[in-house]
Structures are given as C-alpha cells and as structure tokens.
Amino acid sequence: MKGFGYSMCTCRGFTNLKAQSAAAAASFEDCPNSIYERSVDEAYPTPTKPEVAMEEGRTEGSAMDSVSAMDAVSAMDSVLAMDAVDVSKLSMSESAMEEGFSFSEGHDESVETIETFESNANRIQETFVKRVESNVWHNAINFLRQHPQAASASMTDWPYGTALHYAIRKRCRVHIIQQLVELMDNGHLEITDTTGSTALYELIRLFPERVEVAECMVKRNPDLLTILPTGNKKSLVVVAQGKTKGERMARYLYSITPPETIKVKDAAQLISDGFRLQRFDIAWDLIQRYPKLAVDTGHDKNIPLGTLASNRFAFKSGSTLSLWETLIYNG
C-alpha cells in the first residue's frame, strides 16, 4: 500500500507538470516575439557577469584639438607647393589617357579575352566535377591542388553543393575530407546547397557520429557554427542533440558554441532532449546556470519539466522493479 500511495502522489505530480507545460505552450503562442527569441545571456543575465571595459588608448580630447593656427598655415603652404608640379608630368598623364581611350576602342579584343577566360574556368570546373563524381579521390584532390578555384564547382547530383558536400554524403574517409577542407578557403566552406545547408550542417544531419570530421571543418572556419539553412531556427548543437547518434557531436558543439548564439528556445530544447534521451550533462549544466530554463518553452513547444514528467524512466515508480527491489520498496 505504501508503494501504491507513493505512485498516486507521483501521478498527481505528473498531472501538475503536464498542466504547466500546456500553459507554457499557450503563452508561447500568444507571445511570438517574447523572451524565447533572445539568447540565454540576454534573457537571464547573471550578476557575476563582468562589465565591459572601456577601450584602451582613448583620450578625452581629439588629436586635432592640439593643432595650432600656425600648423594649419604651414600645411596649407605645403599643399600650394604641390601645385608647382612639372607641367610635363601633366602632359604625360593626358597622353596616357588618350592612349587608354584609343585602347578602349578595341573593346572586341577585351571581350574575347574575357570570354576565353570564362570558358577556361568552366572547363576546369567541369573537369573537377567529373573527377569528383567518378569517386577517384586522389585524381580529384591532385587536380584541386593545381586549380584551387575549382573548389566552388557545383556537383550535378541534387541537392548539388560543393565537392565537400558530395564527399560527406558519400561517407568518404576522414583523410579525404580533411584534404578537401585544407584546399578550400573559408568562403568555399560557407557555400550552401539548394536547401541552404552548408557541408557541416549536412554532416550533423546525416552522420552526427562523425565528430572528427566536424572538428577539422570548424577549426578551419568557426563561422560555420552560425550558418543555418533557410527556415531552420535550431542551432547546430540542438540539431545534434536531437539525433539518436548525436551525443558526442552535441557535447563537442556545446563546448565551442558561443553562449550568446544559444537562444532560450535552443537551451530549453537542449534540456528537453537531454531528458528524453537520458543525456543529462548538457541539461544539468544549463539548469545550473539558468534555473528558469526548466519552465521555458523549446522548439517543440514543451517545457523541460513536462518532458521529464513524461519520461517514466526518470522516476523509480515508473520503471519495472526486480523481485528484490519490489520487496524492499513495498516493505
């Protein structure tokens, strides 16, 4: 009977928590531009946060305040002296302008040169795409070393994207992806496919267990952490946390994601997903820093406490007991 009474109390607690979750979801619908769109640092500023120091090296007065009238006159004399330039130089400039004008009249040759350049660039990119899609990676990488401009080439398979997108979707080996990342500049790494996804986002979405691949990409360009697909408001760490195989990826991304980029909705979702998948490290860290997140609304419009109440494994009365545990529990 003791165990039954405890279970009844726990059920009442579940009902109250679920009611709070429903109320929080309703308030979220009424306030689309509320606190949930702000970062956790903005929403819950901590009293221990250090004040921003003033920029060093600044003085109260401007450097121009100390300029005297004599200095100004001297500077004007220098300007006037520059007008005494040899007229022959001016004639040479006019002659150069005339030659430039006569050269511009032969614009057909310039157009042909531009067209030839564009044609060569297109051929280089087409050759690189063929080598990539043939999956003979040593040929493709050697070609990219000789023609680094080919890194921006778009693949022919939907949703297109760069060679890095292609390599990730094909689950290529780590050393191949690392070589591609090394040969690409930061701008190439930020190129998105038709869905608006960077290669890093594709990696987290498809293969969140490949943490070492994400590390080499983020080390090369940390700005990739803030580039999200069009219409997707979840930060990358939230995407990883929601994946069954994304525990290690979520820990890595959480450790390097700037706190100011994590919104209240992101943080609440991280806690809820942590409760749902029984990953308590990130959830515990966030609740310790910002206790009010426990009753905030995540992307799924639930509050973390409601998710915890729905998880029967989080409570002793909600899990199956062994024979000995049953005897001890019921007295």
C-alpha atoms as a PDB file:
ATOM      1  CA  MET A   1       0.000   0.000   0.000  1.00  0.00           C
ATOM      2  CA  LYS A   2       2.901   2.339   0.636  1.00  0.00           C
ATOM      3  CA  GLY A   3       4.126   1.902  -2.884  1.00  0.00           C
ATOM      4  CA  PHE A   4       0.626   2.500  -4.268  1.00  0.00           C
ATOM      5  CA  GLY A   5       0.272   5.688  -2.273  1.00  0.00           C
ATOM      6  CA  TYR A   6       3.638   6.957  -3.494  1.00  0.00           C
ATOM      7  CA  SER A   7       2.665   6.189  -7.097  1.00  0.00           C
ATOM      8  CA  MET A   8      -0.586   8.127  -6.706  1.00  0.00           C
ATOM      9  CA  CYS A   9       1.329  11.171  -5.426  1.00  0.00           C
ATOM     10  CA  THR A  10       3.748  10.885  -8.297  1.00  0.00           C
ATOM     11  CA  CYS A  11       0.883  10.707 -10.814  1.00  0.00           C
ATOM     12  CA  ARG A  12      -0.590  13.890  -9.347  1.00  0.00           C
ATOM     13  CA  GLY A  13       2.839  15.494  -9.792  1.00  0.00           C
ATOM     14  CA  PHE A  14       2.901  14.367 -13.433  1.00  0.00           C
ATOM     15  CA  THR A  15      -0.542  15.893 -13.978  1.00  0.00           C
ATOM     16  CA  ASN A  16       0.556  19.234 -12.495  1.00  0.00           C
ATOM     17  CA  LEU A  17       3.739  19.309 -14.576  1.00  0.00           C
ATOM     18  CA  LYS A  18       1.862  18.490 -17.771  1.00  0.00           C
ATOM     19  CA  ALA A  19      -0.643  21.245 -16.969  1.00  0.00           C
ATOM     20  CA  GLN A  20       2.263  23.683 -16.537  1.00  0.00           C
ATOM     21  CA  SER A  21       3.658  22.520 -19.865  1.00  0.00           C
ATOM     22  CA  ALA A  22       0.327  23.172 -21.617  1.00  0.00           C
ATOM     23  CA  ALA A  23       0.064  26.619 -20.031  1.00  0.00           C
ATOM     24  CA  ALA A  24       3.611  27.486 -21.094  1.00  0.00           C
ATOM     25  CA  ALA A  25       2.878  26.378 -24.638  1.00  0.00           C
ATOM     26  CA  ALA A  26      -0.227  28.578 -24.743  1.00  0.00           C
ATOM     27  CA  SER A  27       1.723  31.595 -23.521  1.00  0.00           C
ATOM     28  CA  PHE A  28       4.363  30.898 -26.149  1.00  0.00           C
ATOM     29  CA  GLU A  29       1.712  31.049 -28.890  1.00  0.00           C
ATOM     30  CA  ASP A  30       0.484  34.406 -27.562  1.00  0.00           C
ATOM     31  CA  CYS A  31       3.972  35.949 -27.460  1.00  0.00           C
ATOM     32  CA  PRO A  32       5.853  35.041 -30.658  1.00  0.00           C
ATOM     33  CA  ASN A  33       8.383  37.839 -30.112  1.00  0.00           C
ATOM     34  CA  SER A  34       8.861  37.134 -26.418  1.00  0.00           C
ATOM     35  CA  ILE A  35      11.840  36.142 -24.351  1.00  0.00           C
ATOM     36  CA  TYR A  36      12.227  32.845 -26.209  1.00  0.00           C
ATOM     37  CA  GLU A  37      13.806  34.533 -29.238  1.00  0.00           C
ATOM     38  CA  ARG A  38      16.538  36.090 -27.090  1.00  0.00           C
ATOM     39  CA  SER A  39      19.797  34.477 -26.072  1.00  0.00           C
ATOM     40  CA  VAL A  40      20.081  32.980 -22.601  1.00  0.00           C
ATOM     41  CA  ASP A  41      22.633  35.639 -21.629  1.00  0.00           C
ATOM     42  CA  GLU A  42      20.170  38.397 -22.596  1.00  0.00           C
ATOM     43  CA  ALA A  43      17.159  36.743 -21.002  1.00  0.00           C
ATOM     44  CA  TYR A  44      18.853  35.726 -17.759  1.00  0.00           C
ATOM     45  CA  PRO A  45      21.851  37.975 -17.127  1.00  0.00           C
ATOM     46  CA  THR A  46      23.950  36.734 -14.250  1.00  0.00           C
ATOM     47  CA  PRO A  47      25.063  39.202 -11.536  1.00  0.00           C
ATOM     48  CA  THR A  48      28.630  37.908 -11.830  1.00  0.00           C
ATOM     49  CA  LYS A  49      28.911  38.919 -15.450  1.00  0.00           C
ATOM     50  CA  PRO A  50      31.884  41.294 -15.750  1.00  0.00           C
ATOM     51  CA  GLU A  51      31.262  44.775 -17.022  1.00  0.00           C
ATOM     52  CA  VAL A  52      32.614  45.674 -20.432  1.00  0.00           C
ATOM     53  CA  ALA A  53      35.845  47.627 -20.059  1.00  0.00           C
ATOM     54  CA  MET A  54      36.341  50.820 -21.954  1.00  0.00           C
ATOM     55  CA  GLU A  55      38.575  50.694 -24.974  1.00  0.00           C
ATOM     56  CA  GLU A  56      42.177  51.377 -24.055  1.00  0.00           C
ATOM     57  CA  GLY A  57      44.205  54.099 -25.694  1.00  0.00           C
ATOM     58  CA  ARG A  58      41.358  56.603 -25.914  1.00  0.00           C
ATOM     59  CA  THR A  59      41.869  60.223 -24.772  1.00  0.00           C
ATOM     60  CA  GLU A  60      39.306  62.810 -23.816  1.00  0.00           C
ATOM     61  CA  GLY A  61      40.400  65.284 -26.430  1.00  0.00           C
ATOM     62  CA  SER A  62      40.910  64.730 -30.118  1.00  0.00           C
ATOM     63  CA  ALA A  63      44.363  64.926 -31.651  1.00  0.00           C
ATOM     64  CA  MET A  64      43.122  67.806 -33.824  1.00  0.00           C
ATOM     65  CA  ASP A  65      42.466  69.897 -30.695  1.00  0.00           C
ATOM     66  CA  SER A  66      46.210  70.470 -30.283  1.00  0.00           C
ATOM     67  CA  VAL A  67      46.768  71.704 -33.825  1.00  0.00           C
ATOM     68  CA  SER A  68      47.686  75.381 -33.778  1.00  0.00           C
ATOM     69  CA  ALA A  69      46.845  78.037 -36.362  1.00  0.00           C
ATOM     70  CA  MET A  70      50.496  78.159 -37.447  1.00  0.00           C
ATOM     71  CA  ASP A  71      50.473  74.437 -38.120  1.00  0.00           C
ATOM     72  CA  ALA A  72      47.393  74.853 -40.288  1.00  0.00           C
ATOM     73  CA  VAL A  73      49.025  77.625 -42.302  1.00  0.00           C
ATOM     74  CA  SER A  74      52.154  75.521 -42.758  1.00  0.00           C
ATOM     75  CA  ALA A  75      50.088  72.629 -44.001  1.00  0.00           C
ATOM     76  CA  MET A  76      48.314  74.901 -46.481  1.00  0.00           C
ATOM     77  CA  ASP A  77      51.659  76.119 -47.833  1.00  0.00           C
ATOM     78  CA  SER A  78      52.691  72.523 -48.467  1.00  0.00           C
ATOM     79  CA  VAL A  79      49.502  71.927 -50.429  1.00  0.00           C
ATOM     80  CA  LEU A  80      50.068  75.031 -52.535  1.00  0.00           C
ATOM     81  CA  ALA A  81      53.641  73.978 -53.213  1.00  0.00           C
ATOM     82  CA  MET A  82      52.369  70.737 -54.694  1.00  0.00           C
ATOM     83  CA  ASP A  83      50.649  72.745 -57.415  1.00  0.00           C
ATOM     84  CA  ALA A  84      54.063  73.644 -58.816  1.00  0.00           C
ATOM     85  CA  VAL A  85      54.420  70.196 -60.380  1.00  0.00           C
ATOM     86  CA  ASP A  86      56.227  69.957 -63.669  1.00  0.00           C
ATOM     87  CA  VAL A  87      53.760  70.568 -66.465  1.00  0.00           C
ATOM     88  CA  SER A  88      55.437  67.811 -68.456  1.00  0.00           C
ATOM     89  CA  LYS A  89      54.050  65.261 -65.986  1.00  0.00           C
ATOM     90  CA  LEU A  90      50.576  66.590 -66.647  1.00  0.00           C
ATOM     91  CA  SER A  91      51.167  66.259 -70.373  1.00  0.00           C
ATOM     92  CA  MET A  92      52.309  62.689 -69.882  1.00  0.00           C
ATOM     93  CA  SER A  93      49.110  61.944 -67.934  1.00  0.00           C
ATOM     94  CA  GLU A  94      46.978  63.398 -70.726  1.00  0.00           C
ATOM     95  CA  SER A  95      48.893  61.346 -73.272  1.00  0.00           C
ATOM     96  CA  ALA A  96      48.340  58.214 -71.226  1.00  0.00           C
ATOM     97  CA  MET A  97      44.634  58.972 -71.063  1.00  0.00           C
ATOM     98  CA  GLU A  98      44.487  59.344 -74.828  1.00  0.00           C
ATOM     99  CA  GLU A  99      46.268  56.034 -75.292  1.00  0.00           C
ATOM    100  CA  GLY A 100      43.897  54.417 -72.843  1.00  0.00           C
ATOM    101  CA  PHE A 101      40.951  55.805 -74.773  1.00  0.00           C
ATOM    102  CA  SER A 102      42.282  54.524 -78.078  1.00  0.00           C
ATOM    103  CA  PHE A 103      42.844  51.098 -76.471  1.00  0.00           C
ATOM    104  CA  SER A 104      39.302  51.057 -75.161  1.00  0.00           C
ATOM    105  CA  GLU A 105      38.061  51.465 -78.705  1.00  0.00           C
ATOM    106  CA  GLY A 106      39.370  47.954 -79.385  1.00  0.00           C
ATOM    107  CA  HIS A 107      36.848  46.502 -76.929  1.00  0.00           C
ATOM    108  CA  ASP A 108      36.211  43.467 -79.078  1.00  0.00           C
ATOM    109  CA  GLU A 109      39.605  42.033 -78.133  1.00  0.00           C
ATOM    110  CA  SER A 110      38.849  42.591 -74.434  1.00  0.00           C
ATOM    111  CA  VAL A 111      35.504  40.831 -74.716  1.00  0.00           C
ATOM    112  CA  GLU A 112      37.159  37.907 -76.457  1.00  0.00           C
ATOM    113  CA  THR A 113      39.742  37.700 -73.687  1.00  0.00           C
ATOM    114  CA  ILE A 114      37.028  37.650 -71.005  1.00  0.00           C
ATOM    115  CA  GLU A 115      35.049  35.009 -72.876  1.00  0.00           C
ATOM    116  CA  THR A 116      38.158  32.868 -73.236  1.00  0.00           C
ATOM    117  CA  PHE A 117      38.889  33.191 -69.519  1.00  0.00           C
ATOM    118  CA  GLU A 118      35.330  32.226 -68.578  1.00  0.00           C
ATOM    119  CA  SER A 119      35.434  29.300 -70.985  1.00  0.00           C
ATOM    120  CA  ASN A 120      38.661  28.019 -69.418  1.00  0.00           C
ATOM    121  CA  ALA A 121      37.228  28.434 -65.914  1.00  0.00           C
ATOM    122  CA  ASN A 122      34.115  26.479 -66.874  1.00  0.00           C
ATOM    123  CA  ARG A 123      36.229  23.687 -68.350  1.00  0.00           C
ATOM    124  CA  ILE A 124      38.313  23.500 -65.175  1.00  0.00           C
ATOM    125  CA  GLN A 125      35.198  23.204 -63.015  1.00  0.00           C
ATOM    126  CA  GLU A 126      33.611  20.624 -65.304  1.00  0.00           C
ATOM    127  CA  THR A 127      36.780  18.522 -65.229  1.00  0.00           C
ATOM    128  CA  PHE A 128      36.923  18.723 -61.442  1.00  0.00           C
ATOM    129  CA  VAL A 129      33.255  17.709 -61.084  1.00  0.00           C
ATOM    130  CA  LYS A 130      33.803  14.682 -63.322  1.00  0.00           C
ATOM    131  CA  ARG A 131      36.798  13.575 -61.270  1.00  0.00           C
ATOM    132  CA  VAL A 132      34.906  14.010 -58.005  1.00  0.00           C
ATOM    133  CA  GLU A 133      31.818  12.141 -59.170  1.00  0.00           C
ATOM    134  CA  SER A 134      33.985   9.315 -60.529  1.00  0.00           C
ATOM    135  CA  ASN A 135      34.987   8.777 -56.865  1.00  0.00           C
ATOM    136  CA  VAL A 136      38.680   8.542 -57.773  1.00  0.00           C
ATOM    137  CA  TRP A 137      39.610  10.932 -54.999  1.00  0.00           C
ATOM    138  CA  HIS A 138      43.381  11.062 -55.442  1.00  0.00           C
ATOM    139  CA  ASN A 139      42.865  12.369 -59.001  1.00  0.00           C
ATOM    140  CA  ALA A 140      40.278  14.898 -57.848  1.00  0.00           C
ATOM    141  CA  ILE A 141      42.436  16.179 -54.973  1.00  0.00           C
ATOM    142  CA  ASN A 142      45.547  16.473 -57.140  1.00  0.00           C
ATOM    143  CA  PHE A 143      43.534  18.418 -59.716  1.00  0.00           C
ATOM    144  CA  LEU A 144      42.225  20.724 -56.970  1.00  0.00           C
ATOM    145  CA  ARG A 145      45.781  21.405 -55.824  1.00  0.00           C
ATOM    146  CA  GLN A 146      46.636  22.604 -59.333  1.00  0.00           C
ATOM    147  CA  HIS A 147      43.366  24.534 -59.760  1.00  0.00           C
ATOM    148  CA  PRO A 148      42.166  25.767 -56.323  1.00  0.00           C
ATOM    149  CA  GLN A 149      39.485  27.902 -57.990  1.00  0.00           C
ATOM    150  CA  ALA A 150      37.623  24.685 -58.830  1.00  0.00           C
ATOM    151  CA  ALA A 151      36.607  24.304 -55.166  1.00  0.00           C
ATOM    152  CA  SER A 152      33.477  26.379 -55.814  1.00  0.00           C
ATOM    153  CA  ALA A 153      32.244  23.998 -58.536  1.00  0.00           C
ATOM    154  CA  SER A 154      28.703  22.685 -58.065  1.00  0.00           C
ATOM    155  CA  MET A 155      28.052  18.966 -58.316  1.00  0.00           C
ATOM    156  CA  THR A 156      25.450  17.557 -60.728  1.00  0.00           C
ATOM    157  CA  ASP A 157      23.507  15.478 -58.181  1.00  0.00           C
ATOM    158  CA  TRP A 158      20.653  17.126 -56.257  1.00  0.00           C
ATOM    159  CA  PRO A 159      20.823  18.999 -53.927  1.00  0.00           C
ATOM    160  CA  TYR A 160      24.134  19.900 -55.589  1.00  0.00           C
ATOM    161  CA  GLY A 161      26.616  21.725 -53.357  1.00  0.00           C
ATOM    162  CA  THR A 162      30.420  21.519 -53.429  1.00  0.00           C
ATOM    163  CA  ALA A 163      32.799  18.574 -53.548  1.00  0.00           C
ATOM    164  CA  LEU A 164      32.793  18.689 -49.747  1.00  0.00           C
ATOM    165  CA  HIS A 165      29.012  18.211 -49.682  1.00  0.00           C
ATOM    166  CA  TYR A 166      29.440  15.297 -52.071  1.00  0.00           C
ATOM    167  CA  ALA A 167      32.207  13.680 -50.023  1.00  0.00           C
ATOM    168  CA  ILE A 168      30.155  13.898 -46.836  1.00  0.00           C
ATOM    169  CA  ARG A 169      27.050  12.407 -48.441  1.00  0.00           C
ATOM    170  CA  LYS A 170      29.166   9.567 -49.840  1.00  0.00           C
ATOM    171  CA  ARG A 171      30.601   8.983 -46.364  1.00  0.00           C
ATOM    172  CA  CYS A 172      34.170   9.319 -47.572  1.00  0.00           C
ATOM    173  CA  ARG A 173      37.079   8.603 -45.278  1.00  0.00           C
ATOM    174  CA  VAL A 174      38.222  11.246 -42.838  1.00  0.00           C
ATOM    175  CA  HIS A 175      41.602  11.890 -44.517  1.00  0.00           C
ATOM    176  CA  ILE A 176      39.891  12.624 -47.860  1.00  0.00           C
ATOM    177  CA  ILE A 177      37.544  15.181 -46.281  1.00  0.00           C
ATOM    178  CA  GLN A 178      40.440  16.709 -44.344  1.00  0.00           C
ATOM    179  CA  GLN A 179      42.402  17.222 -47.579  1.00  0.00           C
ATOM    180  CA  LEU A 180      39.399  18.894 -49.220  1.00  0.00           C
ATOM    181  CA  VAL A 181      38.966  21.212 -46.227  1.00  0.00           C
ATOM    182  CA  GLU A 182      42.659  22.156 -46.313  1.00  0.00           C
ATOM    183  CA  LEU A 183      42.481  23.015 -50.032  1.00  0.00           C
ATOM    184  CA  MET A 184      39.333  25.135 -49.651  1.00  0.00           C
ATOM    185  CA  ASP A 185      39.264  28.674 -48.329  1.00  0.00           C
ATOM    186  CA  ASN A 186      36.721  29.909 -45.782  1.00  0.00           C
ATOM    187  CA  GLY A 187      34.370  31.158 -48.464  1.00  0.00           C
ATOM    188  CA  HIS A 188      34.230  27.735 -50.106  1.00  0.00           C
ATOM    189  CA  LEU A 189      33.350  26.112 -46.773  1.00  0.00           C
ATOM    190  CA  GLU A 190      30.416  28.505 -46.389  1.00  0.00           C
ATOM    191  CA  ILE A 191      28.863  27.618 -49.758  1.00  0.00           C
ATOM    192  CA  THR A 192      25.384  26.127 -49.355  1.00  0.00           C
ATOM    193  CA  ASP A 193      23.482  23.618 -51.464  1.00  0.00           C
ATOM    194  CA  THR A 194      19.980  24.017 -52.880  1.00  0.00           C
ATOM    195  CA  THR A 195      18.420  23.511 -49.439  1.00  0.00           C
ATOM    196  CA  GLY A 196      20.614  26.243 -47.929  1.00  0.00           C
ATOM    197  CA  SER A 197      22.751  23.756 -45.990  1.00  0.00           C
ATOM    198  CA  THR A 198      26.494  24.013 -45.517  1.00  0.00           C
ATOM    199  CA  ALA A 199      28.602  20.869 -45.653  1.00  0.00           C
ATOM    200  CA  LEU A 200      28.884  20.995 -41.844  1.00  0.00           C
ATOM    201  CA  TYR A 201      25.109  21.068 -41.414  1.00  0.00           C
ATOM    202  CA  GLU A 202      24.774  18.115 -43.809  1.00  0.00           C
ATOM    203  CA  LEU A 203      27.304  16.202 -41.739  1.00  0.00           C
ATOM    204  CA  ILE A 204      25.395  16.810 -38.489  1.00  0.00           C
ATOM    205  CA  ARG A 205      22.072  15.969 -40.099  1.00  0.00           C
ATOM    206  CA  LEU A 206      23.209  12.743 -41.808  1.00  0.00           C
ATOM    207  CA  PHE A 207      26.147  11.421 -39.800  1.00  0.00           C
ATOM    208  CA  PRO A 208      26.257  13.091 -36.357  1.00  0.00           C
ATOM    209  CA  GLU A 209      28.577  10.370 -35.054  1.00  0.00           C
ATOM    210  CA  ARG A 210      31.475  11.648 -37.230  1.00  0.00           C
ATOM    211  CA  VAL A 211      32.769  14.206 -34.739  1.00  0.00           C
ATOM    212  CA  GLU A 212      36.352  14.228 -36.058  1.00  0.00           C
ATOM    213  CA  VAL A 213      35.110  15.447 -39.455  1.00  0.00           C
ATOM    214  CA  ALA A 214      33.221  18.322 -37.830  1.00  0.00           C
ATOM    215  CA  GLU A 215      36.313  19.261 -35.824  1.00  0.00           C
ATOM    216  CA  CYS A 216      38.508  19.784 -38.891  1.00  0.00           C
ATOM    217  CA  MET A 217      35.831  21.941 -40.542  1.00  0.00           C
ATOM    218  CA  VAL A 218      35.116  24.125 -37.504  1.00  0.00           C
ATOM    219  CA  LYS A 219      38.825  24.632 -36.768  1.00  0.00           C
ATOM    220  CA  ARG A 220      39.249  25.958 -40.304  1.00  0.00           C
ATOM    221  CA  ASN A 221      36.202  28.234 -40.180  1.00  0.00           C
ATOM    222  CA  PRO A 222      34.417  28.797 -36.817  1.00  0.00           C
ATOM    223  CA  ASP A 223      31.768  30.931 -38.545  1.00  0.00           C
ATOM    224  CA  LEU A 224      30.196  27.702 -39.824  1.00  0.00           C
ATOM    225  CA  LEU A 225      28.570  27.296 -36.404  1.00  0.00           C
ATOM    226  CA  THR A 226      26.204  30.206 -37.085  1.00  0.00           C
ATOM    227  CA  ILE A 227      25.216  29.428 -40.702  1.00  0.00           C
ATOM    228  CA  LEU A 228      21.806  27.714 -40.691  1.00  0.00           C
ATOM    229  CA  PRO A 229      19.563  26.577 -43.561  1.00  0.00           C
ATOM    230  CA  THR A 230      16.766  28.866 -44.672  1.00  0.00           C
ATOM    231  CA  GLY A 231      13.747  28.460 -42.417  1.00  0.00           C
ATOM    232  CA  ASN A 232      15.588  26.425 -39.767  1.00  0.00           C
ATOM    233  CA  LYS A 233      15.861  28.242 -36.447  1.00  0.00           C
ATOM    234  CA  LYS A 234      17.559  25.468 -34.471  1.00  0.00           C
ATOM    235  CA  SER A 235      21.240  25.950 -33.727  1.00  0.00           C
ATOM    236  CA  LEU A 236      23.613  23.170 -34.791  1.00  0.00           C
ATOM    237  CA  VAL A 237      24.055  21.885 -31.245  1.00  0.00           C
ATOM    238  CA  VAL A 238      20.275  21.453 -30.931  1.00  0.00           C
ATOM    239  CA  VAL A 239      20.171  19.522 -34.216  1.00  0.00           C
ATOM    240  CA  ALA A 240      22.910  17.207 -32.949  1.00  0.00           C
ATOM    241  CA  GLN A 241      21.304  16.754 -29.522  1.00  0.00           C
ATOM    242  CA  GLY A 242      18.070  15.567 -31.128  1.00  0.00           C
ATOM    243  CA  LYS A 243      19.817  12.793 -33.081  1.00  0.00           C
ATOM    244  CA  THR A 244      19.991   9.265 -31.695  1.00  0.00           C
ATOM    245  CA  LYS A 245      23.706   9.039 -32.548  1.00  0.00           C
ATOM    246  CA  GLY A 246      24.432  12.689 -31.826  1.00  0.00           C
ATOM    247  CA  GLU A 247      25.504  12.597 -28.189  1.00  0.00           C
ATOM    248  CA  ARG A 248      29.249  13.098 -28.817  1.00  0.00           C
ATOM    249  CA  MET A 249      28.587  15.669 -31.532  1.00  0.00           C
ATOM    250  CA  ALA A 250      26.273  17.626 -29.225  1.00  0.00           C
ATOM    251  CA  ARG A 251      28.899  17.670 -26.473  1.00  0.00           C
ATOM    252  CA  TYR A 252      31.563  18.903 -28.888  1.00  0.00           C
ATOM    253  CA  LEU A 253      29.376  21.615 -30.417  1.00  0.00           C
ATOM    254  CA  TYR A 254      28.119  22.739 -26.998  1.00  0.00           C
ATOM    255  CA  SER A 255      31.713  23.159 -25.803  1.00  0.00           C
ATOM    256  CA  ILE A 256      32.602  25.518 -28.685  1.00  0.00           C
ATOM    257  CA  THR A 257      29.297  27.286 -29.422  1.00  0.00           C
ATOM    258  CA  PRO A 258      29.347  30.939 -28.258  1.00  0.00           C
ATOM    259  CA  PRO A 259      26.801  31.329 -25.407  1.00  0.00           C
ATOM    260  CA  GLU A 260      25.326  34.454 -26.974  1.00  0.00           C
ATOM    261  CA  THR A 261      24.236  32.426 -30.030  1.00  0.00           C
ATOM    262  CA  ILE A 262      22.175  29.959 -27.944  1.00  0.00           C
ATOM    263  CA  LYS A 263      18.637  31.298 -27.677  1.00  0.00           C
ATOM    264  CA  VAL A 264      16.241  30.499 -24.866  1.00  0.00           C
ATOM    265  CA  LYS A 265      14.298  28.150 -27.140  1.00  0.00           C
ATOM    266  CA  ASP A 266      17.539  26.382 -28.075  1.00  0.00           C
ATOM    267  CA  ALA A 267      18.563  25.966 -24.441  1.00  0.00           C
ATOM    268  CA  ALA A 268      15.112  24.709 -23.368  1.00  0.00           C
ATOM    269  CA  GLN A 269      15.145  22.223 -26.250  1.00  0.00           C
ATOM    270  CA  LEU A 270      18.613  21.002 -25.299  1.00  0.00           C
ATOM    271  CA  ILE A 271      17.341  20.274 -21.782  1.00  0.00           C
ATOM    272  CA  SER A 272      14.170  18.560 -23.021  1.00  0.00           C
ATOM    273  CA  ASP A 273      16.079  16.382 -25.486  1.00  0.00           C
ATOM    274  CA  GLY A 274      18.570  15.566 -22.762  1.00  0.00           C
ATOM    275  CA  PHE A 275      15.746  14.342 -20.508  1.00  0.00           C
ATOM    276  CA  ARG A 276      14.101  12.448 -23.351  1.00  0.00           C
ATOM    277  CA  LEU A 277      17.310  10.673 -24.446  1.00  0.00           C
ATOM    278  CA  GLN A 278      18.745  10.424 -20.912  1.00  0.00           C
ATOM    279  CA  ARG A 279      21.719  12.705 -21.653  1.00  0.00           C
ATOM    280  CA  PHE A 280      21.952  14.796 -18.548  1.00  0.00           C
ATOM    281  CA  ASP A 281      25.344  16.539 -18.888  1.00  0.00           C
ATOM    282  CA  ILE A 282      24.295  19.469 -21.102  1.00  0.00           C
ATOM    283  CA  ALA A 283      20.878  19.685 -19.419  1.00  0.00           C
ATOM    284  CA  TRP A 284      22.430  19.818 -15.958  1.00  0.00           C
ATOM    285  CA  ASP A 285      24.961  22.478 -16.994  1.00  0.00           C
ATOM    286  CA  LEU A 286      22.256  24.741 -18.449  1.00  0.00           C
ATOM    287  CA  ILE A 287      19.903  24.367 -15.477  1.00  0.00           C
ATOM    288  CA  GLN A 288      22.713  25.177 -13.072  1.00  0.00           C
ATOM    289  CA  ARG A 289      23.495  28.362 -14.985  1.00  0.00           C
ATOM    290  CA  TYR A 290      19.932  29.398 -15.805  1.00  0.00           C
ATOM    291  CA  PRO A 291      17.415  27.669 -13.443  1.00  0.00           C
ATOM    292  CA  LYS A 292      14.404  29.339 -15.087  1.00  0.00           C
ATOM    293  CA  LEU A 293      15.056  27.363 -18.277  1.00  0.00           C
ATOM    294  CA  ALA A 294      13.346  24.393 -16.603  1.00  0.00           C
ATOM    295  CA  VAL A 295       9.967  26.046 -17.231  1.00  0.00           C
ATOM    296  CA  ASP A 296      10.733  27.748 -20.565  1.00  0.00           C
ATOM    297  CA  THR A 297       9.377  26.566 -23.908  1.00  0.00           C
ATOM    298  CA  GLY A 298      11.552  24.817 -26.509  1.00  0.00           C
ATOM    299  CA  HIS A 299      11.131  24.411 -30.257  1.00  0.00           C
ATOM    300  CA  ASP A 300       8.668  21.544 -29.678  1.00  0.00           C
ATOM    301  CA  LYS A 301       6.522  23.906 -27.546  1.00  0.00           C
ATOM    302  CA  ASN A 302       7.066  21.805 -24.417  1.00  0.00           C
ATOM    303  CA  ILE A 303       8.810  22.763 -21.189  1.00  0.00           C
ATOM    304  CA  PRO A 304      11.704  20.635 -19.878  1.00  0.00           C
ATOM    305  CA  LEU A 305       9.827  19.760 -16.673  1.00  0.00           C
ATOM    306  CA  GLY A 306       6.925  18.445 -18.749  1.00  0.00           C
ATOM    307  CA  THR A 307       9.334  16.291 -20.765  1.00  0.00           C
ATOM    308  CA  LEU A 308      10.866  14.993 -17.554  1.00  0.00           C
ATOM    309  CA  ALA A 309       7.422  14.132 -16.167  1.00  0.00           C
ATOM    310  CA  SER A 310       6.608  12.184 -19.330  1.00  0.00           C
ATOM    311  CA  ASN A 311       9.772  10.093 -19.015  1.00  0.00           C
ATOM    312  CA  ARG A 312       8.822   7.157 -16.761  1.00  0.00           C
ATOM    313  CA  PHE A 313      12.447   6.043 -16.515  1.00  0.00           C
ATOM    314  CA  ALA A 314      13.304   9.235 -14.651  1.00  0.00           C
ATOM    315  CA  PHE A 315      11.261   8.099 -11.647  1.00  0.00           C
ATOM    316  CA  LYS A 316      11.537   4.935  -9.600  1.00  0.00           C
ATOM    317  CA  SER A 317       7.764   4.366  -9.594  1.00  0.00           C
ATOM    318  CA  GLY A 318       7.686   4.482 -13.387  1.00  0.00           C
ATOM    319  CA  SER A 319      10.188   1.695 -14.054  1.00  0.00           C
ATOM    320  CA  THR A 320       9.901  -2.048 -13.640  1.00  0.00           C
ATOM    321  CA  LEU A 321      11.390  -3.339 -10.385  1.00  0.00           C
ATOM    322  CA  SER A 322      13.132  -6.640  -9.794  1.00  0.00           C
ATOM    323  CA  LEU A 323      11.804  -9.090  -7.192  1.00  0.00           C
ATOM    324  CA  TRP A 324      14.227  -7.919  -4.505  1.00  0.00           C
ATOM    325  CA  GLU A 325      13.601  -4.239  -5.300  1.00  0.00           C
ATOM    326  CA  THR A 326       9.855  -4.834  -5.077  1.00  0.00           C
ATOM    327  CA  LEU A 327      10.199  -6.480  -1.655  1.00  0.00           C
ATOM    328  CA  ILE A 328      12.392  -3.670  -0.361  1.00  0.00           C
ATOM    329  CA  TYR A 329      10.260  -0.920  -1.904  1.00  0.00           C
ATOM    330  CA  ASN A 330       6.958  -2.269  -0.531  1.00  0.00           C
ATOM    331  CA  GLY A 331       8.374  -3.087   2.891  1.00  0.00           C
END
